[in-house]
């Protein structure tokens, strides 16, 4: 018999879990590392957003959209 697949987490579930984490348990060095990693993630998200905006602009130019 097949094992049931694990249900997928909702979008942003990991971010929600991070926001609820008790930061008092971390050292200053751990918090510095966490900050650096989160800043890298912000840059990654901003880059993905910019690519999507470029794609939307190209589609709008091609198909005459722009009502968004």
PDB file of N, CA and C in Angstrom:
ATOM      1  N   UNK A   1       0.843  -1.172   0.000  1.00  0.00           N
ATOM      2  CA  UNK A   1       0.000   0.000   0.000  1.00  0.00           C
ATOM      3  C   UNK A   1       0.892   1.239   0.000  1.00  0.00           C
ATOM      4  N   UNK A   2       0.476   2.260  -0.749  1.00  0.00           N
ATOM      5  CA  UNK A   2       1.247   3.485  -0.861  1.00  0.00           C
ATOM      6  C   UNK A   2       1.050   4.380   0.350  1.00  0.00           C
ATOM      7  N   UNK A   3       2.154   5.010   0.765  1.00  0.00           N
ATOM      8  CA  UNK A   3       2.074   5.989   1.847  1.00  0.00           C
ATOM      9  C   UNK A   3       1.387   7.244   1.308  1.00  0.00           C
ATOM     10  N   UNK A   4       0.502   7.854   2.075  1.00  0.00           N
ATOM     11  CA  UNK A   4      -0.101   9.105   1.596  1.00  0.00           C
ATOM     12  C   UNK A   4       0.943  10.204   1.525  1.00  0.00           C
ATOM     13  N   UNK A   5       0.816  11.040   0.519  1.00  0.00           N
ATOM     14  CA  UNK A   5       1.749  12.155   0.365  1.00  0.00           C
ATOM     15  C   UNK A   5       1.535  13.161   1.482  1.00  0.00           C
ATOM     16  N   UNK A   6       2.626  13.751   1.907  1.00  0.00           N
ATOM     17  CA  UNK A   6       2.520  14.811   2.904  1.00  0.00           C
ATOM     18  C   UNK A   6       1.832  16.015   2.275  1.00  0.00           C
ATOM     19  N   UNK A   7       0.897  16.626   2.974  1.00  0.00           N
ATOM     20  CA  UNK A   7       0.259  17.811   2.401  1.00  0.00           C
ATOM     21  C   UNK A   7       1.260  18.946   2.277  1.00  0.00           C
ATOM     22  N   UNK A   8       1.133  19.712   1.207  1.00  0.00           N
ATOM     23  CA  UNK A   8       2.038  20.837   1.001  1.00  0.00           C
ATOM     24  C   UNK A   8       1.691  21.960   1.964  1.00  0.00           C
ATOM     25  N   UNK A   9       2.722  22.602   2.444  1.00  0.00           N
ATOM     26  CA  UNK A   9       2.509  23.775   3.302  1.00  0.00           C
ATOM     27  C   UNK A   9       1.960  24.900   2.444  1.00  0.00           C
ATOM     28  N   UNK A  10       1.172  25.750   3.053  1.00  0.00           N
ATOM     29  CA  UNK A  10       0.671  26.911   2.347  1.00  0.00           C
ATOM     30  C   UNK A  10       1.794  27.876   2.033  1.00  0.00           C
ATOM     31  N   UNK A  11       1.567  28.712   1.053  1.00  0.00           N
ATOM     32  CA  UNK A  11       2.579  29.718   0.719  1.00  0.00           C
ATOM     33  C   UNK A  11       2.824  30.591   1.928  1.00  0.00           C
ATOM     34  N   UNK A  12       4.083  30.798   2.228  1.00  0.00           N
ATOM     35  CA  UNK A  12       4.445  31.653   3.348  1.00  0.00           C
ATOM     36  C   UNK A  12       4.428  30.971   4.705  1.00  0.00           C
ATOM     37  N   UNK A  13       4.133  29.668   4.734  1.00  0.00           N
ATOM     38  CA  UNK A  13       4.052  28.963   6.019  1.00  0.00           C
ATOM     39  C   UNK A  13       5.392  28.971   6.750  1.00  0.00           C
ATOM     40  N   UNK A  14       6.467  28.819   6.009  1.00  0.00           N
ATOM     41  CA  UNK A  14       7.794  28.821   6.632  1.00  0.00           C
ATOM     42  C   UNK A  14       8.094  30.201   7.212  1.00  0.00           C
ATOM     43  N   UNK A  15       7.745  31.238   6.464  1.00  0.00           N
ATOM     44  CA  UNK A  15       7.960  32.596   6.951  1.00  0.00           C
ATOM     45  C   UNK A  15       7.134  32.858   8.200  1.00  0.00           C
ATOM     46  N   UNK A  16       5.898  32.362   8.214  1.00  0.00           N
ATOM     47  CA  UNK A  16       5.053  32.506   9.407  1.00  0.00           C
ATOM     48  C   UNK A  16       5.687  31.812  10.613  1.00  0.00           C
ATOM     49  N   UNK A  17       6.243  30.621  10.386  1.00  0.00           N
ATOM     50  CA  UNK A  17       6.890  29.889  11.477  1.00  0.00           C
ATOM     51  C   UNK A  17       8.115  30.648  11.987  1.00  0.00           C
ATOM     52  N   UNK A  18       8.890  31.234  11.071  1.00  0.00           N
ATOM     53  CA  UNK A  18      10.059  32.021  11.483  1.00  0.00           C
ATOM     54  C   UNK A  18       9.648  33.212  12.338  1.00  0.00           C
ATOM     55  N   UNK A  19       8.552  33.844  11.984  1.00  0.00           N
ATOM     56  CA  UNK A  19       8.098  35.025  12.707  1.00  0.00           C
ATOM     57  C   UNK A  19       7.654  34.686  14.129  1.00  0.00           C
ATOM     58  N   UNK A  20       7.289  33.436  14.360  1.00  0.00           N
ATOM     59  CA  UNK A  20       6.827  33.016  15.685  1.00  0.00           C
ATOM     60  C   UNK A  20       7.947  32.448  16.557  1.00  0.00           C
ATOM     61  N   UNK A  21       9.119  32.292  15.974  1.00  0.00           N
ATOM     62  CA  UNK A  21      10.231  31.673  16.698  1.00  0.00           C
ATOM     63  C   UNK A  21      10.714  32.581  17.829  1.00  0.00           C
ATOM     64  N   UNK A  22      11.064  31.980  18.955  1.00  0.00           N
ATOM     65  CA  UNK A  22      11.553  32.712  20.126  1.00  0.00           C
ATOM     66  C   UNK A  22      13.016  33.109  19.897  1.00  0.00           C
ATOM     67  N   UNK A  23      13.238  34.387  19.657  1.00  0.00           N
ATOM     68  CA  UNK A  23      14.587  34.866  19.353  1.00  0.00           C
ATOM     69  C   UNK A  23      15.450  35.004  20.600  1.00  0.00           C
ATOM     70  N   UNK A  24      14.844  34.935  21.769  1.00  0.00           N
ATOM     71  CA  UNK A  24      15.612  35.021  23.013  1.00  0.00           C
ATOM     72  C   UNK A  24      16.561  33.835  23.177  1.00  0.00           C
ATOM     73  N   UNK A  25      16.303  32.769  22.451  1.00  0.00           N
ATOM     74  CA  UNK A  25      17.141  31.573  22.549  1.00  0.00           C
ATOM     75  C   UNK A  25      18.442  31.694  21.757  1.00  0.00           C
ATOM     76  N   UNK A  26      18.562  32.727  20.936  1.00  0.00           N
ATOM     77  CA  UNK A  26      19.717  32.882  20.050  1.00  0.00           C
ATOM     78  C   UNK A  26      20.778  33.790  20.650  1.00  0.00           C
ATOM     79  N   UNK A  27      22.031  33.503  20.327  1.00  0.00           N
ATOM     80  CA  UNK A  27      23.137  34.384  20.726  1.00  0.00           C
ATOM     81  C   UNK A  27      23.189  35.570  19.762  1.00  0.00           C
ATOM     82  N   UNK A  28      23.986  36.546  20.100  1.00  0.00           N
ATOM     83  CA  UNK A  28      24.167  37.699  19.216  1.00  0.00           C
ATOM     84  C   UNK A  28      24.712  37.243  17.871  1.00  0.00           C
ATOM     85  N   UNK A  29      25.675  36.327  17.890  1.00  0.00           N
ATOM     86  CA  UNK A  29      26.257  35.821  16.649  1.00  0.00           C
ATOM     87  C   UNK A  29      25.203  35.091  15.814  1.00  0.00           C
ATOM     88  N   UNK A  30      24.360  34.305  16.478  1.00  0.00           N
ATOM     89  CA  UNK A  30      23.287  33.614  15.773  1.00  0.00           C
ATOM     90  C   UNK A  30      22.315  34.607  15.145  1.00  0.00           C
ATOM     91  N   UNK A  31      22.009  35.663  15.869  1.00  0.00           N
ATOM     92  CA  UNK A  31      21.100  36.677  15.343  1.00  0.00           C
ATOM     93  C   UNK A  31      21.728  37.425  14.169  1.00  0.00           C
ATOM     94  N   UNK A  32      23.029  37.693  14.251  1.00  0.00           N
ATOM     95  CA  UNK A  32      23.733  38.334  13.136  1.00  0.00           C
ATOM     96  C   UNK A  32      23.678  37.440  11.896  1.00  0.00           C
ATOM     97  N   UNK A  33      23.903  36.144  12.093  1.00  0.00           N
ATOM     98  CA  UNK A  33      23.847  35.196  10.977  1.00  0.00           C
ATOM     99  C   UNK A  33      22.440  35.143  10.394  1.00  0.00           C
ATOM    100  N   UNK A  34      21.466  35.103  11.268  1.00  0.00           N
ATOM    101  CA  UNK A  34      20.067  35.052  10.818  1.00  0.00           C
ATOM    102  C   UNK A  34      19.722  36.307  10.016  1.00  0.00           C
ATOM    103  N   UNK A  35      20.150  37.455  10.497  1.00  0.00           N
ATOM    104  CA  UNK A  35      19.897  38.710   9.791  1.00  0.00           C
ATOM    105  C   UNK A  35      20.529  38.683   8.404  1.00  0.00           C
ATOM    106  N   UNK A  36      21.767  38.243   8.319  1.00  0.00           N
ATOM    107  CA  UNK A  36      22.451  38.182   7.024  1.00  0.00           C
ATOM    108  C   UNK A  36      21.721  37.240   6.064  1.00  0.00           C
ATOM    109  N   UNK A  37      21.286  36.104   6.570  1.00  0.00           N
ATOM    110  CA  UNK A  37      20.585  35.145   5.716  1.00  0.00           C
ATOM    111  C   UNK A  37      19.233  35.680   5.267  1.00  0.00           C
ATOM    112  N   UNK A  38      18.537  36.374   6.155  1.00  0.00           N
ATOM    113  CA  UNK A  38      17.251  36.965   5.787  1.00  0.00           C
ATOM    114  C   UNK A  38      17.442  38.090   4.769  1.00  0.00           C
ATOM    115  N   UNK A  39      18.514  38.870   4.910  1.00  0.00           N
ATOM    116  CA  UNK A  39      18.797  39.919   3.932  1.00  0.00           C
ATOM    117  C   UNK A  39      19.075  39.314   2.557  1.00  0.00           C
ATOM    118  N   UNK A  40      19.775  38.176   2.516  1.00  0.00           N
ATOM    119  CA  UNK A  40      20.011  37.480   1.250  1.00  0.00           C
ATOM    120  C   UNK A  40      18.684  37.007   0.657  1.00  0.00           C
ATOM    121  N   UNK A  41      17.789  36.530   1.493  1.00  0.00           N
ATOM    122  CA  UNK A  41      16.483  36.072   1.017  1.00  0.00           C
ATOM    123  C   UNK A  41      15.661  37.249   0.483  1.00  0.00           C
ATOM    124  N   UNK A  42      15.741  38.394   1.132  1.00  0.00           N
ATOM    125  CA  UNK A  42      15.038  39.584   0.646  1.00  0.00           C
ATOM    126  C   UNK A  42      15.543  39.951  -0.743  1.00  0.00           C
ATOM    127  N   UNK A  43      16.841  39.904  -0.947  1.00  0.00           N
ATOM    128  CA  UNK A  43      17.414  40.200  -2.264  1.00  0.00           C
ATOM    129  C   UNK A  43      16.940  39.188  -3.301  1.00  0.00           C
ATOM    130  N   UNK A  44      16.865  37.918  -2.922  1.00  0.00           N
ATOM    131  CA  UNK A  44      16.406  36.871  -3.835  1.00  0.00           C
ATOM    132  C   UNK A  44      14.949  37.103  -4.236  1.00  0.00           C
ATOM    133  N   UNK A  45      14.117  37.465  -3.256  1.00  0.00           N
ATOM    134  CA  UNK A  45      12.697  37.734  -3.529  1.00  0.00           C
ATOM    135  C   UNK A  45      12.555  38.973  -4.410  1.00  0.00           C
ATOM    136  N   UNK A  46      13.324  40.018  -4.119  1.00  0.00           N
ATOM    137  CA  UNK A  46      13.267  41.240  -4.923  1.00  0.00           C
ATOM    138  C   UNK A  46      13.670  40.961  -6.364  1.00  0.00           C
ATOM    139  N   UNK A  47      14.661  40.110  -6.557  1.00  0.00           N
ATOM    140  CA  UNK A  47      15.108  39.748  -7.893  1.00  0.00           C
ATOM    141  C   UNK A  47      14.022  38.968  -8.646  1.00  0.00           C
ATOM    142  N   UNK A  48      13.389  38.025  -7.970  1.00  0.00           N
ATOM    143  CA  UNK A  48      12.305  37.258  -8.593  1.00  0.00           C
ATOM    144  C   UNK A  48      11.150  38.183  -8.955  1.00  0.00           C
ATOM    145  N   UNK A  49      10.846  39.130  -8.092  1.00  0.00           N
ATOM    146  CA  UNK A  49       9.768  40.087  -8.351  1.00  0.00           C
ATOM    147  C   UNK A  49      10.094  40.935  -9.575  1.00  0.00           C
ATOM    148  N   UNK A  50      11.337  41.409  -9.657  1.00  0.00           N
ATOM    149  CA  UNK A  50      11.755  42.232 -10.795  1.00  0.00           C
ATOM    150  C   UNK A  50      11.635  41.452 -12.101  1.00  0.00           C
ATOM    151  N   UNK A  51      12.040  40.171 -12.080  1.00  0.00           N
ATOM    152  CA  UNK A  51      11.911  39.337 -13.285  1.00  0.00           C
ATOM    153  C   UNK A  51      10.449  39.192 -13.693  1.00  0.00           C
ATOM    154  N   UNK A  52       9.568  38.996 -12.726  1.00  0.00           N
ATOM    155  CA  UNK A  52       8.143  38.871 -13.027  1.00  0.00           C
ATOM    156  C   UNK A  52       7.577  40.171 -13.595  1.00  0.00           C
ATOM    157  N   UNK A  53       7.999  41.302 -13.041  1.00  0.00           N
ATOM    158  CA  UNK A  53       7.547  42.588 -13.571  1.00  0.00           C
ATOM    159  C   UNK A  53       8.026  42.791 -15.003  1.00  0.00           C
ATOM    160  N   UNK A  54       9.269  42.393 -15.289  1.00  0.00           N
ATOM    161  CA  UNK A  54       9.791  42.485 -16.652  1.00  0.00           C
ATOM    162  C   UNK A  54       8.984  41.612 -17.600  1.00  0.00           C
ATOM    163  N   UNK A  55       8.660  40.400 -17.151  1.00  0.00           N
ATOM    164  CA  UNK A  55       7.854  39.499 -17.971  1.00  0.00           C
ATOM    165  C   UNK A  55       6.463  40.059 -18.216  1.00  0.00           C
ATOM    166  N   UNK A  56       5.879  40.650 -17.195  1.00  0.00           N
ATOM    167  CA  UNK A  56       4.551  41.250 -17.344  1.00  0.00           C
ATOM    168  C   UNK A  56       4.601  42.418 -18.320  1.00  0.00           C
ATOM    169  N   UNK A  57       5.633  43.252 -18.186  1.00  0.00           N
ATOM    170  CA  UNK A  57       5.770  44.402 -19.080  1.00  0.00           C
ATOM    171  C   UNK A  57       5.943  43.944 -20.522  1.00  0.00           C
ATOM    172  N   UNK A  58       6.717  42.885 -20.733  1.00  0.00           N
ATOM    173  CA  UNK A  58       6.912  42.358 -22.084  1.00  0.00           C
ATOM    174  C   UNK A  58       5.596  41.814 -22.644  1.00  0.00           C
ATOM    175  N   UNK A  59       4.841  41.115 -21.830  1.00  0.00           N
ATOM    176  CA  UNK A  59       3.549  40.570 -22.270  1.00  0.00           C
ATOM    177  C   UNK A  59       2.575  41.705 -22.571  1.00  0.00           C
ATOM    178  N   UNK A  60       2.557  42.712 -21.707  1.00  0.00           N
ATOM    179  CA  UNK A  60       1.672  43.849 -21.935  1.00  0.00           C
ATOM    180  C   UNK A  60       2.031  44.568 -23.238  1.00  0.00           C
ATOM    181  N   UNK A  61       3.330  44.716 -23.506  1.00  0.00           N
ATOM    182  CA  UNK A  61       3.760  45.367 -24.740  1.00  0.00           C
ATOM    183  C   UNK A  61       3.363  44.546 -25.957  1.00  0.00           C
ATOM    184  N   UNK A  62       3.465  43.236 -25.843  1.00  0.00           N
ATOM    185  CA  UNK A  62       3.139  42.349 -26.953  1.00  0.00           C
ATOM    186  C   UNK A  62       1.638  42.257 -27.202  1.00  0.00           C
ATOM    187  N   UNK A  63       0.890  42.168 -26.127  1.00  0.00           N
ATOM    188  CA  UNK A  63      -0.549  41.935 -26.256  1.00  0.00           C
ATOM    189  C   UNK A  63      -1.387  43.180 -25.989  1.00  0.00           C
ATOM    190  N   UNK A  64      -0.738  44.317 -25.774  1.00  0.00           N
ATOM    191  CA  UNK A  64      -1.476  45.560 -25.588  1.00  0.00           C
ATOM    192  C   UNK A  64      -2.158  45.684 -24.251  1.00  0.00           C
ATOM    193  N   UNK A  65      -1.668  44.962 -23.248  1.00  0.00           N
ATOM    194  CA  UNK A  65      -2.261  45.047 -21.904  1.00  0.00           C
ATOM    195  C   UNK A  65      -1.823  46.308 -21.205  1.00  0.00           C
ATOM    196  N   UNK A  66      -1.885  46.287 -19.909  1.00  0.00           N
ATOM    197  CA  UNK A  66      -1.447  47.424 -19.126  1.00  0.00           C
ATOM    198  C   UNK A  66      -2.536  47.952 -18.214  1.00  0.00           C
ATOM    199  N   UNK A  67      -3.604  47.225 -18.094  1.00  0.00           N
ATOM    200  CA  UNK A  67      -4.703  47.639 -17.222  1.00  0.00           C
ATOM    201  C   UNK A  67      -4.603  47.025 -15.840  1.00  0.00           C
ATOM    202  N   UNK A  68      -3.394  46.741 -15.367  1.00  0.00           N
ATOM    203  CA  UNK A  68      -3.259  46.080 -14.066  1.00  0.00           C
ATOM    204  C   UNK A  68      -2.900  47.045 -13.022  1.00  0.00           C
TER     205      UNK A  68
END
